[in-house]
Amino acid sequence: MLVVSPRLFLEWFIKDFFKIVIVSILFAVISVFIALSIPNQYSSHVVVSSNMSDSKSMGGLSKLGGLASLAGISLGGGGSLSPEVLYEMLNSGSFLSSFIRKYDLEKEIMAAESYSPESSRFIYKEKIYDVKNDVWVRDFKFPQTLEPNDSELVEKFKQSFNASYARKTKLIKISFKSFSPQYSVKTLNDLIYHFNEYMRNNDTQESELSIKYLKQELTSSNYQEVNLALQQLVEEQYKKLAIAKTRNEYALRVIEAPLLAANKSEPKRAIICVVITLFGTIFTVFFWWVIRIIRLS
């Protein structure tokens, strides 16, 4: 069995020192080209808080919970309005897919490879999207389709999108990165606006259906106590409806608005160069050691 002493390894290293240096320099040059070929990305973030507790809890809905059950409807609970649930809804595929489709972000998400500040336009991968003919040309496999489906879009979008929730402060921080700093800010502003409208529309529809149902019950009920309860419930639903239609920041209140990035967030070119050069150096050392061990054996 061949046993190589540490001293022999050191001797080999000294003998191959210039070879190692030359290869390391080569890797360093390659790393610079690789780092420079990666386009810059710019990140922006927004901090928001829940703005729904007042709209759902005002008017003593909790006191009418028993009365609502008599009428056979559900008013919802405080848990469904918590910041934690809003955070989960922000990350949900149903919301994100509706946002992507609403603002036509499909091309930028799936096919953009860089951004031209001179023309203020994205540059798309030709193998994925044909800009001239405005058609998708990508290769795909079942169950994918030529045009990206919601699942693909959400998965790709989340590579640039991030939302985090701080339990102590009850604040939600949302960030987004893209090849354009202006696009990152615009996307965050659009996302907050769309989420507020998304929640507003859901609650408006829910309240309108509840009011319609409660009024039907009022016309068919002959019991004074039940009628009184139903009238109170109708009043509460009108209050919810009024808030939904008048409050601008319905679900989320902006605490810190997104700002235009002054510097790139990615790539970390210095780290890329160091890692590639270090890898090349280590690889070269082990390569020559293996060669010498093979020759000895």
Protein backbone atom coordinates (compact mmCIF):
# COMPACT_ATOMS: atom_id res chain seq x y z
CA MET A 1 0.00 0.00 0.00
CA LEU A 2 1.40 3.37 -1.05
CA VAL A 3 1.78 5.84 1.81
CA VAL A 4 2.62 9.47 1.00
CA SER A 5 4.03 11.60 3.79
CA PRO A 6 3.02 15.25 4.35
CA ARG A 7 6.62 16.24 3.65
CA LEU A 8 6.39 14.70 0.18
CA PHE A 9 3.18 16.62 -0.50
CA LEU A 10 5.00 19.82 0.44
CA GLU A 11 7.88 19.00 -1.90
CA TRP A 12 5.44 18.38 -4.74
CA PHE A 13 3.72 21.69 -4.03
CA ILE A 14 7.04 23.55 -4.23
CA LYS A 15 7.99 21.82 -7.47
CA ASP A 16 4.60 22.57 -9.06
CA PHE A 17 4.34 26.08 -7.60
CA PHE A 18 4.73 27.97 -10.89
CA LYS A 19 2.28 25.65 -12.67
CA ILE A 20 -0.24 26.26 -9.89
CA VAL A 21 0.26 30.03 -10.09
CA ILE A 22 -0.21 30.07 -13.87
CA VAL A 23 -3.42 28.01 -13.70
CA SER A 24 -4.71 30.14 -10.82
CA ILE A 25 -4.16 33.29 -12.87
CA LEU A 26 -6.02 31.67 -15.74
CA PHE A 27 -8.96 30.86 -13.46
CA ALA A 28 -8.85 34.42 -12.11
CA VAL A 29 -9.13 35.83 -15.63
CA ILE A 30 -11.98 33.46 -16.44
CA SER A 31 -13.74 34.45 -13.20
CA VAL A 32 -13.59 38.13 -14.19
CA PHE A 33 -15.21 37.40 -17.56
CA ILE A 34 -17.91 35.30 -15.88
CA ALA A 35 -18.62 37.97 -13.24
CA LEU A 36 -18.83 40.73 -15.84
CA SER A 37 -21.17 38.68 -18.03
CA ILE A 38 -23.79 38.50 -15.27
CA PRO A 39 -26.17 41.50 -15.54
CA ASN A 40 -26.80 43.71 -12.53
CA GLN A 41 -29.94 43.27 -10.46
CA TYR A 42 -31.50 45.91 -8.25
CA SER A 43 -33.60 45.28 -5.17
CA SER A 44 -36.21 47.42 -3.43
CA HIS A 45 -38.34 46.70 -0.38
CA VAL A 46 -41.51 47.94 1.27
CA VAL A 47 -42.64 47.55 4.89
CA VAL A 48 -46.37 47.21 5.58
CA SER A 49 -48.69 46.50 8.48
CA SER A 50 -52.16 45.01 8.69
CA ASN A 51 -54.94 47.57 8.26
CA MET A 52 -57.85 45.19 8.58
CA SER A 53 -58.37 44.79 12.32
CA ASP A 54 -60.44 47.96 12.60
CA SER A 55 -62.61 47.25 9.59
CA LYS A 56 -63.52 43.80 10.86
CA SER A 57 -63.81 44.38 14.57
CA MET A 58 -65.68 47.70 14.67
CA GLY A 59 -69.29 47.78 15.67
CA GLY A 60 -69.09 44.83 18.04
CA LEU A 61 -69.17 41.95 15.60
CA SER A 62 -68.00 39.61 18.32
CA LYS A 63 -71.08 40.42 20.39
CA LEU A 64 -73.29 39.46 17.46
CA GLY A 65 -71.63 36.14 16.88
CA GLY A 66 -74.43 34.23 18.57
CA LEU A 67 -77.06 36.20 16.73
CA ALA A 68 -75.32 35.55 13.44
CA SER A 69 -75.40 31.83 14.13
CA LEU A 70 -79.15 32.06 14.66
CA ALA A 71 -79.42 33.56 11.19
CA GLY A 72 -77.28 30.76 9.80
CA ILE A 73 -74.36 32.92 8.55
CA SER A 74 -70.75 33.32 9.54
CA LEU A 75 -69.17 36.72 10.13
CA GLY A 76 -65.65 35.37 10.20
CA GLY A 77 -63.16 35.41 13.05
CA GLY A 78 -60.32 37.65 14.15
CA GLY A 79 -57.79 34.95 13.26
CA SER A 80 -58.55 35.28 9.55
CA LEU A 81 -57.58 38.96 9.76
CA SER A 82 -54.28 38.53 11.55
CA PRO A 83 -51.03 39.81 10.00
CA GLU A 84 -49.88 36.18 9.81
CA VAL A 85 -52.78 35.30 7.53
CA LEU A 86 -52.24 38.39 5.39
CA TYR A 87 -48.61 37.33 5.06
CA GLU A 88 -49.65 33.86 3.92
CA MET A 89 -52.10 35.36 1.43
CA LEU A 90 -49.34 37.55 0.00
CA ASN A 91 -47.31 34.40 -0.64
CA SER A 92 -50.22 32.37 -1.95
CA GLY A 93 -50.22 31.15 -5.52
CA SER A 94 -53.79 32.34 -6.10
CA PHE A 95 -52.92 35.95 -5.25
CA LEU A 96 -49.53 36.05 -6.99
CA SER A 97 -50.88 34.47 -10.17
CA SER A 98 -53.73 37.01 -10.26
CA PHE A 99 -51.19 39.81 -9.81
CA ILE A 100 -48.91 38.51 -12.56
CA ARG A 101 -51.80 38.14 -15.01
CA LYS A 102 -53.34 41.50 -14.09
CA TYR A 103 -50.14 43.44 -14.79
CA ASP A 104 -48.89 41.28 -17.71
CA LEU A 105 -45.60 40.33 -16.07
CA GLU A 106 -45.23 36.99 -17.85
CA LYS A 107 -42.52 38.05 -20.32
CA GLU A 108 -40.41 39.85 -17.75
CA ILE A 109 -40.62 36.93 -15.33
CA MET A 110 -39.93 34.07 -17.73
CA ALA A 111 -37.87 35.52 -20.57
CA ALA A 112 -36.01 38.68 -19.50
CA GLU A 113 -32.23 38.29 -19.45
CA SER A 114 -31.08 41.90 -19.07
CA TYR A 115 -32.21 45.51 -19.24
CA SER A 116 -31.18 48.40 -21.51
CA PRO A 117 -31.14 51.74 -19.62
CA GLU A 118 -30.76 53.60 -22.92
CA SER A 119 -34.01 52.31 -24.38
CA SER A 120 -35.67 51.59 -21.00
CA ARG A 121 -36.60 48.13 -22.24
CA PHE A 122 -35.93 44.56 -21.22
CA ILE A 123 -33.94 42.25 -23.43
CA TYR A 124 -35.55 38.83 -23.76
CA LYS A 125 -34.12 35.39 -24.40
CA GLU A 126 -34.85 34.60 -28.02
CA LYS A 127 -35.18 30.88 -27.33
CA ILE A 128 -38.06 31.59 -24.96
CA TYR A 129 -39.91 34.59 -26.36
CA ASP A 130 -40.01 36.06 -29.89
CA VAL A 131 -40.34 39.82 -29.38
CA LYS A 132 -40.87 40.65 -33.06
CA ASN A 133 -43.85 38.34 -33.46
CA ASP A 134 -44.97 38.62 -29.84
CA VAL A 135 -45.18 34.84 -29.36
CA TRP A 136 -43.72 32.23 -27.02
CA VAL A 137 -41.22 29.91 -28.71
CA ARG A 138 -39.78 28.02 -25.75
CA ASP A 139 -39.27 24.28 -25.48
CA PHE A 140 -41.55 22.61 -22.97
CA LYS A 141 -42.50 19.23 -21.61
CA PHE A 142 -45.82 17.91 -20.38
CA PRO A 143 -47.61 19.08 -18.25
CA GLN A 144 -46.17 22.46 -19.27
CA THR A 145 -47.64 24.37 -22.19
CA LEU A 146 -46.14 26.74 -24.74
CA GLU A 147 -47.38 29.70 -22.72
CA PRO A 148 -46.30 29.49 -19.05
CA ASN A 149 -49.05 28.40 -16.68
CA ASP A 150 -49.81 29.97 -13.30
CA SER A 151 -47.73 27.46 -11.37
CA GLU A 152 -44.61 28.15 -13.45
CA LEU A 153 -45.09 31.90 -13.24
CA VAL A 154 -45.48 31.91 -9.47
CA GLU A 155 -42.46 29.65 -8.98
CA LYS A 156 -40.30 31.87 -11.20
CA PHE A 157 -41.66 35.07 -9.65
CA LYS A 158 -40.73 33.88 -6.15
CA GLN A 159 -37.08 33.69 -7.21
CA SER A 160 -37.12 37.50 -7.26
CA PHE A 161 -39.88 38.11 -4.71
CA ASN A 162 -39.57 37.68 -0.97
CA ALA A 163 -41.92 38.44 1.92
CA SER A 164 -40.98 38.06 5.58
CA TYR A 165 -43.01 38.53 8.74
CA ALA A 166 -41.67 39.88 12.05
CA ARG A 167 -43.70 38.42 14.92
CA LYS A 168 -42.53 41.01 17.45
CA THR A 169 -43.44 44.09 15.42
CA LYS A 170 -46.27 42.48 13.40
CA LEU A 171 -44.77 44.05 10.28
CA ILE A 172 -44.40 42.47 6.85
CA LYS A 173 -41.35 43.26 4.72
CA ILE A 174 -41.65 42.64 0.99
CA SER A 175 -38.74 42.84 -1.43
CA PHE A 176 -38.37 42.41 -5.17
CA LYS A 177 -35.33 42.41 -7.43
CA SER A 178 -35.03 42.83 -11.18
CA PHE A 179 -32.65 44.06 -13.86
CA SER A 180 -34.19 47.53 -13.61
CA PRO A 181 -34.35 49.58 -10.37
CA GLN A 182 -37.42 51.44 -11.66
CA TYR A 183 -39.16 48.16 -12.45
CA SER A 184 -38.48 46.83 -8.94
CA VAL A 185 -40.11 49.86 -7.33
CA LYS A 186 -43.06 49.80 -9.74
CA THR A 187 -43.67 46.10 -9.15
CA LEU A 188 -43.79 46.57 -5.37
CA ASN A 189 -46.16 49.54 -5.63
CA ASP A 190 -48.41 47.61 -8.02
CA LEU A 191 -48.34 44.54 -5.77
CA ILE A 192 -49.45 46.46 -2.67
CA TYR A 193 -52.19 48.23 -4.62
CA HIS A 194 -53.39 44.98 -6.17
CA PHE A 195 -53.44 43.17 -2.81
CA ASN A 196 -55.57 45.93 -1.29
CA GLU A 197 -57.96 45.77 -4.23
CA TYR A 198 -57.92 41.96 -4.12
CA MET A 199 -58.99 41.97 -0.46
CA ARG A 200 -61.41 44.85 -0.97
CA ASN A 201 -63.23 43.04 -3.78
CA ASN A 202 -63.43 39.80 -1.81
CA ASP A 203 -64.87 41.53 1.27
CA THR A 204 -67.21 43.69 -0.77
CA GLN A 205 -68.68 40.65 -2.49
CA GLU A 206 -68.95 38.83 0.84
CA SER A 207 -70.75 41.75 2.50
CA GLU A 208 -73.12 42.27 -0.43
CA LEU A 209 -74.06 38.58 -0.41
CA SER A 210 -74.56 38.67 3.36
CA ILE A 211 -76.77 41.76 3.12
CA LYS A 212 -78.85 40.16 0.40
CA TYR A 213 -79.28 37.00 2.45
CA LEU A 214 -80.08 38.86 5.68
CA LYS A 215 -82.73 41.00 3.98
CA GLN A 216 -84.38 37.87 2.63
CA GLU A 217 -84.43 36.44 6.15
CA LEU A 218 -85.93 39.66 7.48
CA THR A 219 -88.90 39.40 5.11
CA SER A 220 -89.57 35.78 6.05
CA SER A 221 -89.09 36.00 9.83
CA ASN A 222 -92.05 36.66 12.16
CA TYR A 223 -90.08 36.79 15.41
CA GLN A 224 -89.29 40.24 16.78
CA GLU A 225 -86.05 39.19 18.51
CA VAL A 226 -84.74 37.48 15.39
CA ASN A 227 -85.66 40.50 13.27
CA LEU A 228 -83.81 42.78 15.66
CA ALA A 229 -80.74 40.54 15.44
CA LEU A 230 -80.93 40.44 11.67
CA GLN A 231 -81.24 44.24 11.47
CA GLN A 232 -78.11 44.60 13.60
CA LEU A 233 -76.27 42.17 11.39
CA VAL A 234 -77.33 44.06 8.27
CA GLU A 235 -76.10 47.28 9.88
CA GLU A 236 -72.70 45.72 10.61
CA GLN A 237 -72.40 44.45 7.05
CA TYR A 238 -73.14 47.96 5.74
CA LYS A 239 -70.38 49.31 7.99
CA LYS A 240 -67.94 46.76 6.59
CA LEU A 241 -69.08 47.62 3.07
CA ALA A 242 -68.60 51.35 3.68
CA ILE A 243 -65.05 50.83 4.93
CA ALA A 244 -64.22 48.58 1.99
CA LYS A 245 -65.37 51.22 -0.46
CA THR A 246 -63.82 54.26 1.20
CA ARG A 247 -60.50 53.19 2.74
CA ASN A 248 -57.58 53.56 0.31
CA GLU A 249 -55.10 51.28 2.10
CA TYR A 250 -57.70 48.66 2.82
CA ALA A 251 -55.75 45.54 3.84
CA LEU A 252 -52.16 46.76 4.08
CA ARG A 253 -50.88 50.11 5.33
CA VAL A 254 -47.51 51.20 3.93
CA ILE A 255 -45.03 51.98 6.72
CA GLU A 256 -41.94 52.37 4.54
CA ALA A 257 -42.46 52.95 0.82
CA PRO A 258 -40.09 51.36 -1.73
CA LEU A 259 -37.17 53.52 -2.82
CA LEU A 260 -35.18 53.47 -6.02
CA ALA A 261 -32.02 51.41 -5.50
CA ALA A 262 -28.82 53.47 -5.54
CA ASN A 263 -26.59 50.42 -5.96
CA LYS A 264 -26.92 46.94 -7.40
CA SER A 265 -27.83 44.11 -5.05
CA GLU A 266 -26.48 41.36 -7.31
CA PRO A 267 -24.17 39.92 -8.49
CA LYS A 268 -21.42 39.98 -5.87
CA ARG A 269 -18.65 40.05 -8.43
CA ALA A 270 -15.76 40.11 -5.96
CA ILE A 271 -17.08 36.99 -4.22
CA ILE A 272 -17.60 35.24 -7.57
CA CYS A 273 -13.99 35.97 -8.60
CA VAL A 274 -12.57 34.81 -5.26
CA VAL A 275 -14.59 31.58 -5.24
CA ILE A 276 -13.72 30.63 -8.83
CA THR A 277 -10.03 31.48 -8.38
CA LEU A 278 -9.86 29.56 -5.10
CA PHE A 279 -11.58 26.58 -6.67
CA GLY A 280 -9.14 26.66 -9.59
CA THR A 281 -6.13 26.79 -7.25
CA ILE A 282 -7.31 23.91 -5.07
CA PHE A 283 -8.30 21.87 -8.11
CA THR A 284 -4.86 22.40 -9.69
CA VAL A 285 -3.00 21.38 -6.51
CA PHE A 286 -4.97 18.17 -6.14
CA PHE A 287 -4.72 17.45 -9.86
CA TRP A 288 -0.89 17.50 -9.82
CA TRP A 289 -0.79 15.52 -6.59
CA VAL A 290 -2.98 12.82 -8.10
CA ILE A 291 -0.77 12.71 -11.19
CA ARG A 292 2.36 12.25 -9.05
CA ILE A 293 0.71 9.57 -6.87
CA ILE A 294 -0.28 7.64 -10.00
CA ARG A 295 3.29 7.82 -11.27
CA LEU A 296 4.66 6.52 -7.94
CA SER A 297 2.28 3.59 -7.93
